[in-house]
Amino acid sequence: MKLLSVLLVTILFIQAFVEASTVSDAPHSLSQTAITHAQEDAVRRQERTCVIEHARAAVKGAIAFHQELMATKTSAPAMPI
């Protein structure tokens, strides 16, 4: 009976130790995940900023013309039949 009690206490101690070690690793893995996501978001934001800057440069250099009316109202075939 005494041996069974010691064995039970030992098993409970080992189980508590294993759970404590997994819980202590959880904040580290969560912080590592947060760092990874932050780095990925920073790269995406930088790419988006570059695209916006290129679009601004293109808009500044763009020239617009008023659309003129067509000279003819009827269409003609491009090749004779």
N, C-alpha and C. Protein backbone atom coordinates (compact mmCIF):
# COMPACT_ATOMS: atom_id res chain seq x y z
N MET A 1 0.82 -1.19 0.00
CA MET A 1 0.00 0.00 0.00
C MET A 1 0.87 1.26 0.00
N LYS A 2 1.94 1.21 0.79
CA LYS A 2 2.84 2.35 0.85
C LYS A 2 3.54 2.55 -0.50
N LEU A 3 3.90 1.45 -1.14
CA LEU A 3 4.55 1.52 -2.45
C LEU A 3 3.61 2.13 -3.49
N LEU A 4 2.34 1.75 -3.43
CA LEU A 4 1.35 2.30 -4.35
C LEU A 4 1.17 3.81 -4.14
N SER A 5 1.17 4.24 -2.90
CA SER A 5 1.05 5.67 -2.60
C SER A 5 2.25 6.45 -3.12
N VAL A 6 3.45 5.91 -2.91
CA VAL A 6 4.66 6.57 -3.40
C VAL A 6 4.65 6.63 -4.93
N LEU A 7 4.22 5.55 -5.57
CA LEU A 7 4.15 5.51 -7.03
C LEU A 7 3.14 6.55 -7.54
N LEU A 8 2.00 6.64 -6.89
CA LEU A 8 0.98 7.61 -7.29
C LEU A 8 1.47 9.05 -7.12
N VAL A 9 2.12 9.34 -6.02
CA VAL A 9 2.67 10.68 -5.78
C VAL A 9 3.75 11.00 -6.82
N THR A 10 4.57 10.02 -7.15
CA THR A 10 5.63 10.21 -8.15
C THR A 10 5.02 10.52 -9.52
N ILE A 11 3.99 9.78 -9.89
CA ILE A 11 3.33 10.01 -11.18
C ILE A 11 2.71 11.40 -11.22
N LEU A 12 2.05 11.80 -10.15
CA LEU A 12 1.47 13.14 -10.09
C LEU A 12 2.53 14.23 -10.16
N PHE A 13 3.65 14.01 -9.51
CA PHE A 13 4.75 14.98 -9.55
C PHE A 13 5.31 15.11 -10.97
N ILE A 14 5.50 13.99 -11.63
CA ILE A 14 6.02 14.01 -13.01
C ILE A 14 5.03 14.71 -13.94
N GLN A 15 3.74 14.42 -13.77
CA GLN A 15 2.72 15.05 -14.61
C GLN A 15 2.70 16.57 -14.39
N ALA A 16 2.80 16.99 -13.15
CA ALA A 16 2.82 18.42 -12.84
C ALA A 16 4.06 19.08 -13.43
N PHE A 17 5.20 18.40 -13.36
CA PHE A 17 6.44 18.93 -13.91
C PHE A 17 6.34 19.09 -15.43
N VAL A 18 5.77 18.10 -16.11
CA VAL A 18 5.63 18.16 -17.57
C VAL A 18 4.69 19.30 -17.96
N GLU A 19 3.58 19.45 -17.26
CA GLU A 19 2.64 20.54 -17.56
C GLU A 19 3.27 21.90 -17.31
N ALA A 20 4.05 22.01 -16.26
CA ALA A 20 4.71 23.29 -15.95
C ALA A 20 5.73 23.64 -17.01
N SER A 21 6.44 22.65 -17.53
CA SER A 21 7.44 22.95 -18.56
C SER A 21 6.79 23.35 -19.87
N THR A 22 5.62 22.76 -20.20
CA THR A 22 4.93 23.18 -21.42
C THR A 22 4.33 24.56 -21.28
N VAL A 23 3.84 24.89 -20.11
CA VAL A 23 3.27 26.23 -19.89
C VAL A 23 4.37 27.28 -19.94
N SER A 24 5.55 26.97 -19.44
CA SER A 24 6.63 27.95 -19.46
C SER A 24 7.15 28.17 -20.88
N ASP A 25 7.03 27.17 -21.77
CA ASP A 25 7.44 27.34 -23.16
C ASP A 25 6.41 28.11 -23.97
N ALA A 26 5.17 28.13 -23.52
CA ALA A 26 4.10 28.77 -24.28
C ALA A 26 4.34 30.26 -24.50
N PRO A 27 4.71 31.05 -23.48
CA PRO A 27 4.95 32.47 -23.75
C PRO A 27 6.09 32.70 -24.74
N HIS A 28 7.11 31.85 -24.68
CA HIS A 28 8.22 31.99 -25.62
C HIS A 28 7.74 31.74 -27.04
N SER A 29 6.97 30.68 -27.23
CA SER A 29 6.50 30.38 -28.58
C SER A 29 5.51 31.44 -29.06
N LEU A 30 4.69 31.97 -28.14
CA LEU A 30 3.77 33.04 -28.53
C LEU A 30 4.51 34.31 -28.91
N SER A 31 5.54 34.64 -28.15
CA SER A 31 6.30 35.84 -28.48
C SER A 31 7.06 35.65 -29.79
N GLN A 32 7.56 34.44 -30.02
CA GLN A 32 8.26 34.17 -31.28
C GLN A 32 7.29 34.28 -32.45
N THR A 33 6.07 33.77 -32.28
CA THR A 33 5.06 33.88 -33.32
C THR A 33 4.70 35.34 -33.58
N ALA A 34 4.57 36.12 -32.53
CA ALA A 34 4.26 37.54 -32.68
C ALA A 34 5.37 38.27 -33.42
N ILE A 35 6.62 37.94 -33.11
CA ILE A 35 7.75 38.58 -33.79
C ILE A 35 7.75 38.21 -35.27
N THR A 36 7.49 36.94 -35.57
CA THR A 36 7.46 36.50 -36.97
C THR A 36 6.37 37.24 -37.74
N HIS A 37 5.18 37.33 -37.16
CA HIS A 37 4.08 38.04 -37.83
C HIS A 37 4.39 39.52 -38.01
N ALA A 38 5.02 40.13 -37.03
CA ALA A 38 5.37 41.54 -37.13
C ALA A 38 6.37 41.78 -38.26
N GLN A 39 7.34 40.87 -38.40
CA GLN A 39 8.33 41.01 -39.47
C GLN A 39 7.67 40.84 -40.84
N GLU A 40 6.76 39.87 -40.96
CA GLU A 40 6.07 39.67 -42.24
C GLU A 40 5.21 40.89 -42.58
N ASP A 41 4.52 41.45 -41.59
CA ASP A 41 3.70 42.63 -41.83
C ASP A 41 4.56 43.83 -42.23
N ALA A 42 5.74 43.95 -41.64
CA ALA A 42 6.63 45.06 -41.98
C ALA A 42 7.07 44.96 -43.44
N VAL A 43 7.36 43.74 -43.90
CA VAL A 43 7.76 43.55 -45.30
C VAL A 43 6.60 43.91 -46.22
N ARG A 44 5.39 43.45 -45.89
CA ARG A 44 4.23 43.77 -46.73
C ARG A 44 3.97 45.27 -46.77
N ARG A 45 4.12 45.93 -45.64
CA ARG A 45 3.90 47.38 -45.59
C ARG A 45 4.93 48.10 -46.44
N GLN A 46 6.18 47.65 -46.40
CA GLN A 46 7.23 48.27 -47.21
C GLN A 46 6.93 48.09 -48.69
N GLU A 47 6.48 46.88 -49.09
CA GLU A 47 6.14 46.64 -50.49
C GLU A 47 4.99 47.54 -50.92
N ARG A 48 3.98 47.67 -50.06
CA ARG A 48 2.82 48.50 -50.38
C ARG A 48 3.23 49.96 -50.49
N THR A 49 4.13 50.42 -49.63
CA THR A 49 4.61 51.80 -49.68
C THR A 49 5.35 52.05 -50.99
N CYS A 50 6.16 51.09 -51.42
CA CYS A 50 6.88 51.25 -52.69
C CYS A 50 5.91 51.36 -53.86
N VAL A 51 4.87 50.55 -53.85
CA VAL A 51 3.88 50.60 -54.93
C VAL A 51 3.17 51.94 -54.94
N ILE A 52 2.81 52.44 -53.77
CA ILE A 52 2.13 53.73 -53.69
C ILE A 52 3.03 54.84 -54.20
N GLU A 53 4.31 54.80 -53.85
CA GLU A 53 5.25 55.83 -54.33
C GLU A 53 5.39 55.78 -55.84
N HIS A 54 5.46 54.57 -56.42
CA HIS A 54 5.55 54.45 -57.88
C HIS A 54 4.28 54.98 -58.54
N ALA A 55 3.13 54.71 -57.94
CA ALA A 55 1.87 55.20 -58.50
C ALA A 55 1.82 56.72 -58.45
N ARG A 56 2.29 57.32 -57.36
CA ARG A 56 2.31 58.78 -57.26
C ARG A 56 3.20 59.39 -58.34
N ALA A 57 4.35 58.77 -58.56
CA ALA A 57 5.27 59.28 -59.59
C ALA A 57 4.64 59.16 -60.97
N ALA A 58 3.92 58.07 -61.23
CA ALA A 58 3.28 57.89 -62.53
C ALA A 58 2.16 58.91 -62.73
N VAL A 59 1.42 59.18 -61.69
CA VAL A 59 0.32 60.15 -61.79
C VAL A 59 0.87 61.55 -62.05
N LYS A 60 1.96 61.91 -61.40
CA LYS A 60 2.54 63.23 -61.60
C LYS A 60 3.03 63.41 -63.03
N GLY A 61 3.51 62.33 -63.66
CA GLY A 61 4.02 62.43 -65.02
C GLY A 61 2.98 62.17 -66.09
N ALA A 62 1.75 61.87 -65.70
CA ALA A 62 0.71 61.55 -66.69
C ALA A 62 0.15 62.82 -67.31
N ILE A 63 -0.21 62.70 -68.58
CA ILE A 63 -0.82 63.82 -69.30
C ILE A 63 -2.17 63.35 -69.81
N ALA A 64 -3.18 64.16 -69.66
CA ALA A 64 -4.52 63.80 -70.11
C ALA A 64 -4.95 64.71 -71.25
N PHE A 65 -5.64 64.13 -72.22
CA PHE A 65 -6.17 64.88 -73.35
C PHE A 65 -7.69 64.73 -73.37
N HIS A 66 -8.37 65.74 -73.86
CA HIS A 66 -9.81 65.63 -74.04
C HIS A 66 -10.08 64.70 -75.21
N GLN A 67 -11.12 63.90 -75.06
CA GLN A 67 -11.46 62.98 -76.15
C GLN A 67 -12.18 63.76 -77.25
N GLU A 68 -11.71 63.58 -78.49
CA GLU A 68 -12.32 64.24 -79.64
C GLU A 68 -13.42 63.36 -80.21
N LEU A 69 -14.37 64.01 -80.86
CA LEU A 69 -15.43 63.26 -81.51
C LEU A 69 -14.87 62.55 -82.73
N MET A 70 -15.48 61.42 -83.05
CA MET A 70 -15.03 60.68 -84.23
C MET A 70 -15.39 61.45 -85.49
N ALA A 71 -14.54 61.33 -86.51
CA ALA A 71 -14.78 62.05 -87.77
C ALA A 71 -15.95 61.44 -88.53
N THR A 72 -16.09 60.14 -88.46
CA THR A 72 -17.21 59.49 -89.15
C THR A 72 -18.09 58.80 -88.13
N LYS A 73 -19.37 58.74 -88.45
CA LYS A 73 -20.32 58.08 -87.55
C LYS A 73 -20.55 56.63 -87.94
N THR A 74 -20.23 56.27 -89.18
CA THR A 74 -20.46 54.89 -89.62
C THR A 74 -19.14 54.16 -89.66
N SER A 75 -19.20 52.89 -89.36
CA SER A 75 -17.97 52.09 -89.39
C SER A 75 -17.79 51.49 -90.77
N ALA A 76 -16.56 51.27 -91.16
CA ALA A 76 -16.24 50.69 -92.46
C ALA A 76 -15.41 49.44 -92.23
N PRO A 77 -15.57 48.43 -93.07
CA PRO A 77 -14.75 47.21 -92.91
C PRO A 77 -13.28 47.52 -93.16
N ALA A 78 -12.43 46.87 -92.44
CA ALA A 78 -11.01 47.12 -92.58
C ALA A 78 -10.47 46.53 -93.87
N MET A 79 -11.04 45.42 -94.30
CA MET A 79 -10.58 44.79 -95.54
C MET A 79 -11.76 44.71 -96.51
N PRO A 80 -11.51 44.96 -97.80
CA PRO A 80 -12.62 44.85 -98.76
C PRO A 80 -13.11 43.41 -98.86
N ILE A 81 -14.40 43.26 -99.09
CA ILE A 81 -14.98 41.92 -99.19
C ILE A 81 -14.91 41.42 -100.60
